[in-house]
Amino acid sequence: MKLVSWNIQWARGCDRRVSVRRIADTIRAGGDADVICLQEVAVGHDALPGLSGEDQVAQFMAEFPQYSAVFAPGSDQPGEGGRPCQFGNLLLSRLPVRAVWRRLLPWPADPSVPSMQRAVAEATLDAPGGPLRVLCTHLEYYSPVQRMAQVEALRALSAEALAQVSAPPAGKEGNTAFRPPLRPAAALLCGDFNCEPGSADYRRLLDPAGQPGADWVDLWRHLHPERPHAHTVGLHGADWPDRPYCCDFAFATPALLPRVSGLHVDTDTDASDHQPLWVELRG
């Protein structure tokens, strides 16, 4: 099984040209992805550079017609004429989808900087090695206060899911709304976390203290313990940043680690200001 995670900057490349087709072609050239996790997908925006109100969710669904789509916009407000104006995370899966959650992350007040509502797209998939939860997210860039609150929420989500594995919720006879969703312990969390390896946010996400089951494992360090993280942004002369570094990660719960077989960053493409992150799992 292959998964790719990529902040696509609404399909805007380092040449400042917007092209969903180029993003899709890059993914197809990179490998036969079973799951595609995209951040910064836009619907109905005409003020972002290069956009004129396109529905990028529909465009990606047309590019990958055999995939199911789970869109979790963080920013979701009516645009001109009442049409949707959304911005968030898109999860595309060729594997059967067994359950879906669209979660808003905490957004505590911080008037000192610009910010936006952030979200997580989560789905349980029938993967070759067994059921798997995949979470696709994008944390706040400007506000350290908000970003840390979002890290705590991701820790709490993991702890909650693992607690329900050992103590599943009861159903209710005759009411399918109470049917417990499949929510396995094996989970993969990916996206743009807007923090660097070794930062306070990064260390807190990986900290097992204080909340049993909340710990995530950084797959880069799990697979490449002697190598620094590959840079995932700043490689191809985009509008920002002024240096290359890593802020895009793939994390896993301990239950998934035996199935993880590979992780690499595509450093060649300039179809976005970020680089795609590829994860491989064995069956």
Protein backbone atom coordinates (compact mmCIF):
# COMPACT_ATOMS: atom_id res chain seq x y z
CA MET A 1 0.00 0.00 0.00
CA LYS A 2 1.25 3.49 -0.89
CA LEU A 3 0.13 6.83 0.52
CA VAL A 4 1.21 10.31 -0.52
CA SER A 5 0.78 13.45 1.61
CA TRP A 6 1.26 16.87 0.03
CA ASN A 7 0.56 20.50 0.79
CA ILE A 8 -0.31 21.61 -2.73
CA GLN A 9 -0.80 25.37 -2.08
CA TRP A 10 -4.11 25.26 -4.02
CA ALA A 11 -2.16 23.60 -6.90
CA ARG A 12 0.08 26.66 -7.30
CA GLY A 13 3.60 25.80 -8.36
CA CYS A 14 6.87 27.59 -7.79
CA ASP A 15 6.35 29.15 -11.23
CA ARG A 16 3.16 30.73 -9.77
CA ARG A 17 0.98 28.78 -12.20
CA VAL A 18 -2.08 26.96 -10.80
CA SER A 19 -2.65 23.49 -12.26
CA VAL A 20 -4.59 20.64 -10.65
CA ARG A 21 -3.63 18.47 -13.63
CA ARG A 22 0.08 19.02 -12.90
CA ILE A 23 -0.39 18.01 -9.27
CA ALA A 24 -2.29 14.88 -10.36
CA ASP A 25 0.33 14.01 -13.00
CA THR A 26 3.10 14.38 -10.42
CA ILE A 27 1.29 12.02 -8.05
CA ARG A 28 0.74 9.48 -10.84
CA ALA A 29 4.40 9.70 -11.85
CA GLY A 30 5.53 9.25 -8.26
CA GLY A 31 3.88 5.87 -7.79
CA ASP A 32 0.62 4.00 -7.68
CA ALA A 33 -0.87 5.75 -4.65
CA ASP A 34 -3.74 3.97 -2.91
CA VAL A 35 -4.38 6.98 -0.66
CA ILE A 36 -3.80 10.65 -1.49
CA CYS A 37 -3.78 13.23 1.33
CA LEU A 38 -3.75 16.85 0.17
CA GLN A 39 -3.63 20.05 2.17
CA GLU A 40 -4.64 23.55 1.01
CA VAL A 41 -7.38 22.46 -1.39
CA ALA A 42 -9.63 25.35 -2.41
CA VAL A 43 -13.29 25.57 -3.40
CA GLY A 44 -14.89 28.81 -4.58
CA HIS A 45 -11.92 31.13 -3.90
CA ASP A 46 -11.25 33.93 -6.34
CA ALA A 47 -8.89 36.07 -4.26
CA LEU A 48 -6.10 33.50 -3.92
CA PRO A 49 -3.41 34.04 -6.60
CA GLY A 50 -4.25 32.18 -9.79
CA LEU A 51 -7.76 31.12 -8.78
CA SER A 52 -11.12 32.23 -10.14
CA GLY A 53 -13.58 30.28 -8.00
CA GLU A 54 -12.72 26.73 -9.10
CA ASP A 55 -13.96 23.67 -7.22
CA GLN A 56 -10.68 21.81 -6.73
CA VAL A 57 -12.37 18.93 -4.91
CA ALA A 58 -14.41 18.23 -8.03
CA GLN A 59 -11.32 18.64 -10.19
CA PHE A 60 -9.33 16.11 -8.18
CA MET A 61 -12.24 13.68 -8.17
CA ALA A 62 -12.27 13.93 -11.96
CA GLU A 63 -8.52 13.25 -12.06
CA PHE A 64 -8.91 10.20 -9.78
CA PRO A 65 -12.38 8.83 -10.62
CA GLN A 66 -11.79 5.44 -8.97
CA TYR A 67 -11.18 7.06 -5.58
CA SER A 68 -13.58 8.02 -2.79
CA ALA A 69 -13.23 11.58 -1.52
CA VAL A 70 -13.32 12.91 2.05
CA PHE A 71 -13.06 16.71 2.18
CA ALA A 72 -12.60 18.44 5.53
CA PRO A 73 -12.54 22.21 5.07
CA GLY A 74 -11.34 24.22 8.03
CA SER A 75 -12.35 27.53 6.51
CA ASP A 76 -15.95 27.25 5.28
CA GLN A 77 -17.96 30.41 4.60
CA PRO A 78 -20.51 31.43 1.97
CA GLY A 79 -18.94 33.20 -0.97
CA GLU A 80 -20.46 35.57 -3.48
CA GLY A 81 -24.00 34.53 -4.32
CA GLY A 82 -24.02 32.04 -1.44
CA ARG A 83 -21.77 29.55 -3.19
CA PRO A 84 -19.33 27.59 -0.99
CA CYS A 85 -15.98 29.19 -0.24
CA GLN A 86 -13.86 26.51 1.43
CA PHE A 87 -10.22 25.70 2.17
CA GLY A 88 -8.91 22.54 3.76
CA ASN A 89 -7.79 18.94 3.53
CA LEU A 90 -8.77 16.35 0.92
CA LEU A 91 -8.34 12.61 1.41
CA LEU A 92 -8.76 10.42 -1.69
CA SER A 93 -8.85 6.64 -1.24
CA ARG A 94 -8.87 3.80 -3.73
CA LEU A 95 -9.33 1.45 -0.79
CA PRO A 96 -12.82 0.83 0.64
CA VAL A 97 -13.83 3.49 3.17
CA ARG A 98 -15.45 2.10 6.32
CA ALA A 99 -15.91 5.24 8.42
CA VAL A 100 -15.34 8.98 8.11
CA TRP A 101 -14.80 11.89 10.52
CA ARG A 102 -14.40 15.55 9.61
CA ARG A 103 -12.99 17.25 12.68
CA LEU A 104 -12.37 20.89 13.48
CA LEU A 105 -9.25 21.54 15.53
CA PRO A 106 -9.07 24.04 18.40
CA TRP A 107 -8.79 27.71 17.45
CA PRO A 108 -8.17 29.66 20.66
CA ALA A 109 -8.18 33.44 20.43
CA ASP A 110 -4.88 35.01 19.38
CA PRO A 111 -5.44 38.52 17.98
CA SER A 112 -1.71 39.14 17.51
CA VAL A 113 -1.44 37.27 14.17
CA PRO A 114 -3.56 36.18 11.19
CA SER A 115 -5.02 32.68 11.51
CA MET A 116 -7.75 30.42 10.20
CA GLN A 117 -9.82 27.49 11.43
CA ARG A 118 -7.96 24.20 10.92
CA ALA A 119 -9.35 20.70 10.44
CA VAL A 120 -8.59 16.98 10.13
CA ALA A 121 -9.95 14.58 7.54
CA GLU A 122 -10.03 11.09 9.09
CA ALA A 123 -11.15 7.83 7.51
CA THR A 124 -10.96 4.14 8.36
CA LEU A 125 -9.87 2.19 5.29
CA ASP A 126 -9.82 -1.50 4.40
CA ALA A 127 -6.07 -1.74 3.82
CA PRO A 128 -4.22 -4.88 2.66
CA GLY A 129 -2.69 -5.44 6.11
CA GLY A 130 -5.93 -4.81 7.98
CA PRO A 131 -8.15 -1.83 8.85
CA LEU A 132 -6.27 1.44 9.07
CA ARG A 133 -7.19 4.96 10.14
CA VAL A 134 -5.67 7.76 8.05
CA LEU A 135 -5.72 11.35 9.30
CA CYS A 136 -4.83 14.27 7.01
CA THR A 137 -4.27 17.68 8.61
CA HIS A 138 -2.67 21.12 8.36
CA LEU A 139 -1.81 23.00 11.55
CA GLU A 140 -1.73 26.76 12.11
CA TYR A 141 1.28 28.61 10.70
CA TYR A 142 1.31 32.00 12.42
CA SER A 143 0.10 31.32 15.98
CA PRO A 144 2.21 29.10 18.28
CA VAL A 145 -0.64 29.19 20.82
CA GLN A 146 -3.14 27.78 18.35
CA ARG A 147 -0.69 25.27 16.91
CA MET A 148 0.08 23.82 20.36
CA ALA A 149 -3.64 23.56 21.11
CA GLN A 150 -4.05 21.63 17.86
CA VAL A 151 -1.18 19.32 18.80
CA GLU A 152 -2.93 18.59 22.09
CA ALA A 153 -6.12 17.79 20.18
CA LEU A 154 -4.26 15.30 17.97
CA ARG A 155 -2.87 13.63 21.07
CA ALA A 156 -6.36 13.46 22.55
CA LEU A 157 -7.79 11.95 19.36
CA SER A 158 -5.23 9.16 19.48
CA ALA A 159 -5.87 8.48 23.15
CA GLU A 160 -9.63 8.44 22.57
CA ALA A 161 -9.40 6.03 19.65
CA LEU A 162 -7.10 3.63 21.48
CA ALA A 163 -9.35 3.71 24.55
CA GLN A 164 -12.33 2.77 22.40
CA VAL A 165 -10.40 -0.19 20.96
CA SER A 166 -10.24 -1.70 24.46
CA ALA A 167 -13.70 -0.47 25.51
CA PRO A 168 -15.90 -0.15 22.39
CA PRO A 169 -19.05 1.95 22.60
CA ALA A 170 -22.31 0.04 22.87
CA GLY A 171 -24.75 0.00 20.01
CA LYS A 172 -28.49 0.50 20.26
CA GLU A 173 -30.86 -2.12 18.89
CA GLY A 174 -33.01 -0.82 16.06
CA ASN A 175 -31.06 2.43 15.61
CA THR A 176 -28.22 2.28 13.09
CA ALA A 177 -27.09 5.81 14.03
CA PHE A 178 -25.64 4.23 17.19
CA ARG A 179 -23.72 1.57 15.26
CA PRO A 180 -20.09 1.89 16.45
CA PRO A 181 -17.78 2.82 13.56
CA LEU A 182 -14.69 0.77 12.83
CA ARG A 183 -11.86 2.68 14.53
CA PRO A 184 -8.72 0.50 14.73
CA ALA A 185 -5.61 1.14 16.77
CA ALA A 186 -3.45 1.24 13.63
CA ALA A 187 -3.38 4.85 12.43
CA LEU A 188 -1.31 7.13 10.23
CA LEU A 189 -1.31 10.90 10.73
CA CYS A 190 0.13 13.03 7.93
CA GLY A 191 0.19 16.60 6.68
CA ASP A 192 1.80 19.99 7.11
CA PHE A 193 2.41 20.60 10.81
CA ASN A 194 4.08 24.00 10.42
CA CYS A 195 6.76 23.10 12.92
CA GLU A 196 10.27 21.72 12.57
CA PRO A 197 11.89 18.58 14.00
CA GLY A 198 12.89 19.28 17.57
CA SER A 199 10.48 22.18 18.08
CA ALA A 200 8.26 22.35 21.14
CA ASP A 201 5.18 21.39 19.10
CA TYR A 202 6.95 18.44 17.51
CA ARG A 203 8.28 17.18 20.85
CA ARG A 204 4.86 17.49 22.48
CA LEU A 205 3.12 15.50 19.75
CA LEU A 206 5.54 12.63 20.36
CA ASP A 207 5.48 12.86 24.16
CA PRO A 208 3.79 9.81 25.76
CA ALA A 209 3.67 11.43 29.19
CA GLY A 210 0.43 12.41 30.86
CA GLN A 211 -2.05 10.78 28.50
CA PRO A 212 -1.84 7.01 27.99
CA GLY A 213 -2.01 6.08 24.32
CA ALA A 214 -1.54 9.65 23.09
CA ASP A 215 1.93 9.09 21.69
CA TRP A 216 2.58 9.29 17.95
CA VAL A 217 5.79 7.99 16.35
CA ASP A 218 7.67 9.96 13.69
CA LEU A 219 8.09 7.54 10.77
CA TRP A 220 11.17 9.32 9.46
CA ARG A 221 13.02 8.75 12.72
CA HIS A 222 11.60 5.23 12.95
CA LEU A 223 12.94 4.30 9.51
CA HIS A 224 15.96 6.63 9.21
CA PRO A 225 17.23 7.13 12.78
CA GLU A 226 20.68 8.26 11.67
CA ARG A 227 19.56 10.71 8.99
CA PRO A 228 18.19 14.25 9.41
CA HIS A 229 14.70 14.82 8.08
CA ALA A 230 14.58 15.54 4.37
CA HIS A 231 13.56 19.10 3.58
CA THR A 232 9.92 19.44 2.55
CA VAL A 233 9.69 23.16 1.79
CA GLY A 234 11.92 25.92 0.45
CA LEU A 235 13.72 23.87 -2.19
CA HIS A 236 12.69 25.52 -5.45
CA GLY A 237 12.62 29.27 -5.02
CA ALA A 238 8.96 29.81 -4.16
CA ASP A 239 7.64 33.02 -2.58
CA TRP A 240 8.68 31.67 0.81
CA PRO A 241 10.57 30.56 2.91
CA ASP A 242 14.11 31.92 2.67
CA ARG A 243 15.65 28.54 3.56
CA PRO A 244 14.79 24.86 3.13
CA TYR A 245 13.52 22.90 6.13
CA CYS A 246 11.11 20.12 7.13
CA CYS A 247 7.58 20.80 8.35
CA ASP A 248 5.65 17.98 6.64
CA PHE A 249 5.56 14.67 8.51
CA ALA A 250 4.05 11.21 8.68
CA PHE A 251 3.35 9.85 12.17
CA ALA A 252 1.95 6.47 13.20
CA THR A 253 0.54 4.79 16.26
CA PRO A 254 2.68 1.95 17.65
CA ALA A 255 0.14 -0.58 16.33
CA LEU A 256 0.98 0.41 12.75
CA LEU A 257 4.76 0.34 13.01
CA PRO A 258 5.22 -3.36 12.04
CA ARG A 259 3.50 -2.61 8.71
CA VAL A 260 5.59 0.44 7.77
CA SER A 261 8.17 -0.39 5.10
CA GLY A 262 9.19 2.90 3.50
CA LEU A 263 9.12 6.68 3.60
CA HIS A 264 10.67 9.19 1.23
CA VAL A 265 10.30 12.79 0.11
CA ASP A 266 10.06 13.73 -3.57
CA THR A 267 12.50 16.63 -3.63
CA ASP A 268 12.46 17.06 -7.42
CA THR A 269 9.02 18.46 -8.15
CA ASP A 270 8.29 22.19 -8.07
CA ALA A 271 4.54 21.80 -8.67
CA SER A 272 3.92 23.26 -5.18
CA ASP A 273 5.94 25.16 -2.61
CA HIS A 274 5.99 21.95 -0.54
CA GLN A 275 7.28 18.50 -1.49
CA PRO A 276 5.22 15.26 -1.57
CA LEU A 277 5.83 12.75 1.22
CA TRP A 278 5.42 9.06 0.26
CA VAL A 279 4.69 6.29 2.78
CA GLU A 280 4.72 2.56 2.02
CA LEU A 281 3.02 -0.11 4.12
CA ARG A 282 3.37 -3.85 3.76
CA GLY A 283 0.33 -6.12 3.60
